């Protein structure tokens, strides 16, 4: 269920609620007034599959690029079975 920051139109208190977008808006938890603007928050993100681990992204990749560049600059060849 999405999390929103809401502001009461009466007492102007801002707080966080979990609320389905298809249901009627709940009243303010402080004064029972009408809630105003909803500020949605981005959902949590979960990266799955190849390309998001240290083996494929980050320090190991930087090291691979550096090693390949050095090899090619010194007349060597690059053969990586992981690619």
Protein backbone atom coordinates (compact mmCIF):
# COMPACT_ATOMS: atom_id res chain seq x y z
CA UNK A 1 0.00 0.00 0.00
CA UNK A 2 1.40 3.45 -0.90
CA UNK A 3 2.67 5.82 1.78
CA UNK A 4 1.69 9.49 1.56
CA UNK A 5 2.48 12.69 3.40
CA UNK A 6 -0.78 14.56 3.92
CA UNK A 7 -1.70 18.02 5.19
CA UNK A 8 -4.96 18.73 7.00
CA UNK A 9 -6.93 21.65 5.53
CA UNK A 10 -8.14 22.69 9.01
CA UNK A 11 -5.25 22.31 11.45
CA UNK A 12 -2.46 22.21 8.79
CA UNK A 13 -0.65 19.34 10.48
CA UNK A 14 1.43 17.23 8.09
CA UNK A 15 1.85 13.53 8.78
CA UNK A 16 2.39 10.20 7.04
CA UNK A 17 -0.33 7.67 6.23
CA UNK A 18 -0.61 4.40 4.31
CA UNK A 19 -3.68 4.67 2.12
CA UNK A 20 -5.12 2.97 -0.94
CA UNK A 21 -5.72 5.37 -3.79
CA UNK A 22 -9.08 3.74 -4.60
CA UNK A 23 -10.61 4.29 -1.13
CA UNK A 24 -12.12 7.47 0.30
CA UNK A 25 -9.66 9.73 2.06
CA UNK A 26 -9.58 9.25 5.84
CA UNK A 27 -10.20 12.24 8.13
CA UNK A 28 -7.35 14.02 9.93
CA UNK A 29 -6.14 11.99 12.88
CA UNK A 30 -5.85 15.15 15.02
CA UNK A 31 -8.99 17.21 14.35
CA UNK A 32 -11.06 14.88 12.09
CA UNK A 33 -10.91 17.60 9.38
CA UNK A 34 -10.52 17.05 5.64
CA UNK A 35 -7.10 16.09 4.37
CA UNK A 36 -5.62 18.16 1.60
CA UNK A 37 -2.82 17.45 -0.81
CA UNK A 38 -1.25 14.01 -0.93
CA UNK A 39 2.49 13.83 -1.50
CA UNK A 40 3.32 10.33 -2.64
CA UNK A 41 6.65 8.73 -1.90
CA UNK A 42 8.58 6.56 -4.32
CA UNK A 43 8.28 2.81 -3.75
CA UNK A 44 11.18 0.74 -2.49
CA UNK A 45 13.37 -0.57 -5.29
CA UNK A 46 14.71 -4.08 -5.63
CA UNK A 47 17.22 -4.82 -8.40
CA UNK A 48 17.24 -8.44 -9.57
CA UNK A 49 19.21 -10.31 -12.19
CA UNK A 50 22.63 -9.88 -13.70
CA UNK A 51 24.29 -6.50 -13.74
CA UNK A 52 23.45 -5.27 -10.21
CA UNK A 53 26.01 -7.17 -8.17
CA UNK A 54 29.62 -6.27 -7.39
CA UNK A 55 30.74 -8.81 -9.99
CA UNK A 56 29.04 -6.86 -12.78
CA UNK A 57 28.83 -3.34 -11.42
CA UNK A 58 31.05 -1.21 -9.21
CA UNK A 59 34.58 -1.85 -8.01
CA UNK A 60 35.10 -5.08 -9.97
CA UNK A 61 34.01 -3.43 -13.20
CA UNK A 62 36.34 -0.49 -12.62
CA UNK A 63 39.22 -2.89 -11.98
CA UNK A 64 38.41 -4.85 -15.16
CA UNK A 65 38.38 -1.69 -17.27
CA UNK A 66 41.71 -0.56 -15.77
CA UNK A 67 43.30 -3.99 -16.36
CA UNK A 68 42.04 -4.18 -19.95
CA UNK A 69 43.23 -0.66 -20.71
CA UNK A 70 46.69 -1.44 -19.30
CA UNK A 71 46.90 -4.68 -21.28
CA UNK A 72 45.93 -3.01 -24.54
CA UNK A 73 48.31 -0.08 -23.99
CA UNK A 74 51.20 -2.49 -23.54
CA UNK A 75 50.47 -4.57 -26.65
CA UNK A 76 48.54 -7.32 -24.92
CA UNK A 77 45.16 -8.79 -25.75
CA UNK A 78 41.98 -9.05 -23.74
CA UNK A 79 40.09 -12.31 -23.43
CA UNK A 80 37.46 -12.43 -20.67
CA UNK A 81 35.32 -15.61 -20.48
CA UNK A 82 32.76 -13.82 -18.25
CA UNK A 83 31.60 -11.52 -21.08
